[in-house]
């Protein structure tokens, strides 16, 4: 099984990890746009280490270009507090319907 050794700062930036089946999963952050993407490389455990390093570098560059092309992350239309309030209202109305015992409105 090959292992990918990177400097500590590279591990904290991209968060590489081996998952089930010898698959390499890495999270790539694009700092200027604030976007993040999960990239999976299946069969990484069976690859030659030089080939794996080249593939990881290439995939990192391609993904960062794609994320940068998407532009900045859009601002949400509603705040988290507004969404939480709406969810509480929905749950309260669902609970009221359950209390009435009418399955038509569940």
N, C-alpha and C. Protein backbone atom coordinates (compact mmCIF):
# COMPACT_ATOMS: atom_id res chain seq x y z
N UNK A 1 0.84 -1.17 0.00
CA UNK A 1 0.00 0.00 0.00
C UNK A 1 0.89 1.24 0.00
N UNK A 2 0.65 2.13 -0.93
CA UNK A 2 1.44 3.35 -0.99
C UNK A 2 0.88 4.38 -0.01
N UNK A 3 1.73 5.23 0.46
CA UNK A 3 1.31 6.28 1.37
C UNK A 3 1.70 7.61 0.78
N UNK A 4 0.88 8.59 1.03
CA UNK A 4 1.13 9.93 0.52
C UNK A 4 1.65 10.78 1.67
N UNK A 5 2.92 11.14 1.61
CA UNK A 5 3.52 11.95 2.65
C UNK A 5 3.63 13.38 2.16
N UNK A 6 3.02 14.28 2.90
CA UNK A 6 3.04 15.69 2.55
C UNK A 6 3.46 16.49 3.77
N UNK A 7 3.99 17.68 3.55
CA UNK A 7 4.30 18.54 4.69
C UNK A 7 3.04 18.84 5.50
N UNK A 8 3.21 19.19 6.75
CA UNK A 8 2.08 19.43 7.65
C UNK A 8 1.15 20.50 7.09
N UNK A 9 1.70 21.58 6.54
CA UNK A 9 0.84 22.64 6.03
C UNK A 9 -0.01 22.16 4.86
N UNK A 10 0.48 21.23 4.05
CA UNK A 10 -0.32 20.68 2.96
C UNK A 10 -1.46 19.82 3.50
N UNK A 11 -1.22 19.08 4.58
CA UNK A 11 -2.27 18.26 5.17
C UNK A 11 -3.39 19.14 5.70
N UNK A 12 -3.06 20.25 6.33
CA UNK A 12 -4.10 21.10 6.90
C UNK A 12 -4.85 21.86 5.83
N UNK A 13 -4.23 22.17 4.70
CA UNK A 13 -4.92 22.89 3.63
C UNK A 13 -5.94 22.01 2.92
N UNK A 14 -5.52 20.82 2.50
CA UNK A 14 -6.38 20.01 1.65
C UNK A 14 -7.05 18.85 2.37
N UNK A 15 -6.60 18.48 3.54
CA UNK A 15 -7.22 17.43 4.34
C UNK A 15 -7.34 16.11 3.57
N UNK A 16 -6.21 15.52 3.25
CA UNK A 16 -6.17 14.22 2.57
C UNK A 16 -6.48 13.12 3.57
N UNK A 17 -7.24 12.12 3.14
CA UNK A 17 -7.48 10.97 3.99
C UNK A 17 -7.82 9.75 3.14
N UNK A 18 -7.37 8.59 3.60
CA UNK A 18 -7.69 7.33 2.92
C UNK A 18 -9.00 6.82 3.50
N UNK A 19 -9.90 6.45 2.63
CA UNK A 19 -11.18 5.92 3.06
C UNK A 19 -11.29 4.47 2.62
N UNK A 20 -12.42 3.87 2.87
CA UNK A 20 -12.64 2.45 2.61
C UNK A 20 -12.31 2.06 1.16
N UNK A 21 -11.66 0.93 1.02
CA UNK A 21 -11.36 0.42 -0.31
C UNK A 21 -10.13 1.02 -0.94
N UNK A 22 -9.28 1.69 -0.18
CA UNK A 22 -8.06 2.27 -0.74
C UNK A 22 -8.32 3.51 -1.57
N UNK A 23 -9.38 4.24 -1.28
CA UNK A 23 -9.73 5.45 -2.00
C UNK A 23 -9.19 6.65 -1.24
N UNK A 24 -8.59 7.58 -1.96
CA UNK A 24 -8.09 8.81 -1.36
C UNK A 24 -9.15 9.88 -1.52
N UNK A 25 -9.56 10.49 -0.39
CA UNK A 25 -10.53 11.58 -0.41
C UNK A 25 -9.81 12.83 0.06
N UNK A 26 -10.01 13.93 -0.65
CA UNK A 26 -9.37 15.18 -0.26
C UNK A 26 -10.36 16.32 -0.42
N UNK A 27 -10.31 17.23 0.53
CA UNK A 27 -11.15 18.41 0.49
C UNK A 27 -10.29 19.57 0.03
N UNK A 28 -10.73 20.23 -1.03
CA UNK A 28 -9.97 21.34 -1.59
C UNK A 28 -10.73 22.62 -1.36
N UNK A 29 -10.07 23.59 -0.72
CA UNK A 29 -10.66 24.89 -0.45
C UNK A 29 -10.09 25.92 -1.40
N UNK A 30 -10.95 26.78 -1.92
CA UNK A 30 -10.49 27.89 -2.76
C UNK A 30 -10.69 29.14 -1.92
N UNK A 31 -9.61 29.77 -1.52
CA UNK A 31 -9.64 30.84 -0.53
C UNK A 31 -10.37 32.09 -1.02
N UNK A 32 -10.16 32.48 -2.28
CA UNK A 32 -10.72 33.75 -2.75
C UNK A 32 -12.23 33.69 -2.92
N UNK A 33 -12.78 32.54 -3.30
CA UNK A 33 -14.23 32.44 -3.51
C UNK A 33 -14.95 31.88 -2.29
N UNK A 34 -14.22 31.27 -1.37
CA UNK A 34 -14.84 30.69 -0.19
C UNK A 34 -15.57 29.39 -0.46
N UNK A 35 -15.23 28.73 -1.54
CA UNK A 35 -15.90 27.47 -1.91
C UNK A 35 -15.02 26.28 -1.54
N UNK A 36 -15.66 25.12 -1.40
CA UNK A 36 -14.98 23.89 -1.02
C UNK A 36 -15.55 22.75 -1.83
N UNK A 37 -14.68 21.79 -2.20
CA UNK A 37 -15.14 20.64 -2.98
C UNK A 37 -14.42 19.39 -2.49
N UNK A 38 -15.15 18.29 -2.42
CA UNK A 38 -14.59 16.99 -2.07
C UNK A 38 -14.21 16.27 -3.35
N UNK A 39 -12.96 15.82 -3.41
CA UNK A 39 -12.45 15.10 -4.57
C UNK A 39 -12.04 13.70 -4.12
N UNK A 40 -12.44 12.70 -4.89
CA UNK A 40 -12.17 11.30 -4.55
C UNK A 40 -11.34 10.67 -5.66
N UNK A 41 -10.27 9.98 -5.28
CA UNK A 41 -9.42 9.26 -6.23
C UNK A 41 -9.50 7.78 -5.87
N UNK A 42 -10.33 7.01 -6.61
CA UNK A 42 -10.44 5.58 -6.30
C UNK A 42 -9.17 4.82 -6.68
N UNK A 43 -8.87 3.80 -5.93
CA UNK A 43 -7.71 2.95 -6.22
C UNK A 43 -6.38 3.58 -5.88
N UNK A 44 -6.37 4.58 -5.02
CA UNK A 44 -5.13 5.27 -4.68
C UNK A 44 -4.15 4.37 -3.93
N UNK A 45 -4.66 3.40 -3.19
CA UNK A 45 -3.79 2.52 -2.42
C UNK A 45 -2.94 1.63 -3.32
N UNK A 46 -3.42 1.33 -4.53
CA UNK A 46 -2.68 0.46 -5.43
C UNK A 46 -1.78 1.24 -6.40
N UNK A 47 -1.86 2.55 -6.40
CA UNK A 47 -1.06 3.34 -7.34
C UNK A 47 0.37 3.49 -6.88
N UNK A 48 1.26 3.69 -7.84
CA UNK A 48 2.64 4.03 -7.55
C UNK A 48 2.66 5.42 -6.93
N UNK A 49 3.53 5.65 -5.96
CA UNK A 49 3.52 6.90 -5.20
C UNK A 49 3.79 8.12 -6.08
N UNK A 50 4.69 7.99 -7.07
CA UNK A 50 4.98 9.12 -7.96
C UNK A 50 3.76 9.45 -8.81
N UNK A 51 3.10 8.41 -9.30
CA UNK A 51 1.89 8.63 -10.10
C UNK A 51 0.79 9.26 -9.25
N UNK A 52 0.66 8.80 -8.01
CA UNK A 52 -0.35 9.34 -7.11
C UNK A 52 -0.08 10.81 -6.79
N UNK A 53 1.17 11.15 -6.52
CA UNK A 53 1.51 12.56 -6.25
C UNK A 53 1.18 13.45 -7.45
N UNK A 54 1.54 12.98 -8.65
CA UNK A 54 1.26 13.77 -9.85
C UNK A 54 -0.24 13.93 -10.05
N UNK A 55 -0.99 12.86 -9.81
CA UNK A 55 -2.44 12.92 -9.97
C UNK A 55 -3.07 13.86 -8.95
N UNK A 56 -2.58 13.83 -7.72
CA UNK A 56 -3.12 14.71 -6.68
C UNK A 56 -2.82 16.17 -7.02
N UNK A 57 -1.60 16.46 -7.45
CA UNK A 57 -1.25 17.84 -7.82
C UNK A 57 -2.10 18.32 -8.99
N UNK A 58 -2.25 17.48 -10.01
CA UNK A 58 -3.04 17.86 -11.17
C UNK A 58 -4.51 18.10 -10.79
N UNK A 59 -5.06 17.19 -9.99
CA UNK A 59 -6.46 17.33 -9.58
C UNK A 59 -6.67 18.56 -8.72
N UNK A 60 -5.70 18.88 -7.88
CA UNK A 60 -5.78 20.07 -7.05
C UNK A 60 -5.82 21.33 -7.91
N UNK A 61 -4.95 21.41 -8.92
CA UNK A 61 -4.92 22.57 -9.81
C UNK A 61 -6.22 22.71 -10.58
N UNK A 62 -6.70 21.61 -11.14
CA UNK A 62 -7.93 21.64 -11.94
C UNK A 62 -9.12 22.06 -11.08
N UNK A 63 -9.23 21.50 -9.88
CA UNK A 63 -10.35 21.81 -9.00
C UNK A 63 -10.31 23.25 -8.55
N UNK A 64 -9.13 23.76 -8.21
CA UNK A 64 -9.02 25.17 -7.81
C UNK A 64 -9.42 26.10 -8.95
N UNK A 65 -9.03 25.78 -10.19
CA UNK A 65 -9.43 26.59 -11.33
C UNK A 65 -10.95 26.57 -11.51
N UNK A 66 -11.55 25.39 -11.35
CA UNK A 66 -13.01 25.29 -11.48
C UNK A 66 -13.72 26.10 -10.41
N UNK A 67 -13.22 26.01 -9.17
CA UNK A 67 -13.85 26.75 -8.08
C UNK A 67 -13.69 28.25 -8.26
N UNK A 68 -12.52 28.65 -8.75
CA UNK A 68 -12.29 30.08 -8.97
C UNK A 68 -13.19 30.60 -10.09
N UNK A 69 -13.44 29.78 -11.11
CA UNK A 69 -14.30 30.19 -12.22
C UNK A 69 -15.76 30.35 -11.78
N UNK A 70 -16.17 29.65 -10.73
CA UNK A 70 -17.53 29.78 -10.24
C UNK A 70 -17.80 31.13 -9.59
N UNK A 71 -16.74 31.80 -9.17
CA UNK A 71 -16.90 33.10 -8.54
C UNK A 71 -17.18 32.96 -7.05
N UNK A 72 -17.42 34.09 -6.40
CA UNK A 72 -17.65 34.05 -4.96
C UNK A 72 -18.97 33.36 -4.62
N UNK A 73 -18.99 32.79 -3.45
CA UNK A 73 -20.18 32.10 -2.97
C UNK A 73 -21.30 33.11 -2.75
N UNK A 74 -22.50 32.83 -3.24
CA UNK A 74 -23.59 33.80 -3.06
C UNK A 74 -24.02 33.88 -1.59
N UNK A 75 -24.46 35.07 -1.20
CA UNK A 75 -24.95 35.26 0.16
C UNK A 75 -26.32 34.60 0.28
N UNK A 76 -26.60 33.96 1.40
CA UNK A 76 -27.92 33.33 1.56
C UNK A 76 -29.02 34.38 1.62
N UNK A 77 -30.20 34.01 1.11
CA UNK A 77 -31.33 34.94 1.10
C UNK A 77 -31.88 35.18 2.50
N UNK A 78 -31.82 34.15 3.35
CA UNK A 78 -32.38 34.25 4.69
C UNK A 78 -31.29 33.93 5.70
N UNK A 79 -31.37 34.56 6.85
CA UNK A 79 -30.39 34.30 7.90
C UNK A 79 -30.70 32.97 8.57
N UNK A 80 -29.74 32.47 9.31
CA UNK A 80 -29.93 31.19 10.02
C UNK A 80 -31.05 31.31 11.05
N UNK A 81 -31.19 32.48 11.66
CA UNK A 81 -32.24 32.68 12.65
C UNK A 81 -33.62 32.61 12.00
N UNK A 82 -33.77 33.20 10.81
CA UNK A 82 -35.04 33.14 10.10
C UNK A 82 -35.40 31.70 9.72
N UNK A 83 -34.42 30.95 9.25
CA UNK A 83 -34.65 29.56 8.88
C UNK A 83 -35.03 28.74 10.10
N UNK A 84 -34.33 28.96 11.22
CA UNK A 84 -34.64 28.23 12.45
C UNK A 84 -36.06 28.55 12.91
N UNK A 85 -36.47 29.81 12.83
CA UNK A 85 -37.82 30.19 13.22
C UNK A 85 -38.87 29.52 12.35
N UNK A 86 -38.63 29.47 11.04
CA UNK A 86 -39.57 28.83 10.12
C UNK A 86 -39.68 27.34 10.42
N UNK A 87 -38.56 26.68 10.70
CA UNK A 87 -38.59 25.25 11.02
C UNK A 87 -39.35 24.99 12.32
N UNK A 88 -39.18 25.87 13.30
CA UNK A 88 -39.92 25.71 14.56
C UNK A 88 -41.42 25.84 14.32
N UNK A 89 -41.81 26.77 13.45
CA UNK A 89 -43.23 26.94 13.14
C UNK A 89 -43.78 25.69 12.45
N UNK A 90 -43.03 25.13 11.52
CA UNK A 90 -43.47 23.93 10.81
C UNK A 90 -43.63 22.76 11.79
N UNK A 91 -42.65 22.58 12.67
CA UNK A 91 -42.73 21.50 13.65
C UNK A 91 -43.89 21.70 14.61
N UNK A 92 -44.14 22.94 15.02
CA UNK A 92 -45.25 23.22 15.93
C UNK A 92 -46.58 22.90 15.24
N UNK A 93 -46.73 23.28 13.97
CA UNK A 93 -47.98 22.98 13.27
C UNK A 93 -48.15 21.47 13.07
N UNK A 94 -47.07 20.76 12.82
CA UNK A 94 -47.13 19.31 12.68
C UNK A 94 -47.56 18.66 14.00
N UNK A 95 -47.01 19.15 15.09
CA UNK A 95 -47.38 18.61 16.40
C UNK A 95 -48.85 18.89 16.71
N UNK A 96 -49.34 20.08 16.34
CA UNK A 96 -50.76 20.38 16.55
C UNK A 96 -51.64 19.43 15.75
N UNK A 97 -51.24 19.12 14.51
CA UNK A 97 -52.01 18.19 13.68
C UNK A 97 -52.02 16.80 14.28
N UNK A 98 -50.88 16.38 14.84
CA UNK A 98 -50.82 15.05 15.46
C UNK A 98 -51.74 14.97 16.67
N UNK A 99 -51.81 16.08 17.42
CA UNK A 99 -52.64 16.09 18.62
C UNK A 99 -54.12 15.98 18.28
N UNK A 100 -54.54 16.51 17.14
CA UNK A 100 -55.95 16.42 16.77
C UNK A 100 -56.32 15.00 16.37
N UNK A 101 -55.36 14.21 15.93
CA UNK A 101 -55.63 12.81 15.61
C UNK A 101 -56.17 12.60 14.22
N UNK A 102 -56.19 13.61 13.40
CA UNK A 102 -56.68 13.46 12.03
C UNK A 102 -55.53 13.09 11.12
N UNK A 103 -55.46 11.83 10.64
CA UNK A 103 -54.32 11.41 9.80
C UNK A 103 -54.29 12.07 8.46
N UNK A 104 -55.39 12.68 8.04
CA UNK A 104 -55.43 13.35 6.75
C UNK A 104 -54.43 14.51 6.67
N UNK A 105 -54.17 15.13 7.78
CA UNK A 105 -53.33 16.32 7.80
C UNK A 105 -51.92 16.05 8.32
N UNK A 106 -51.54 14.79 8.44
CA UNK A 106 -50.19 14.48 8.93
C UNK A 106 -49.17 14.56 7.86
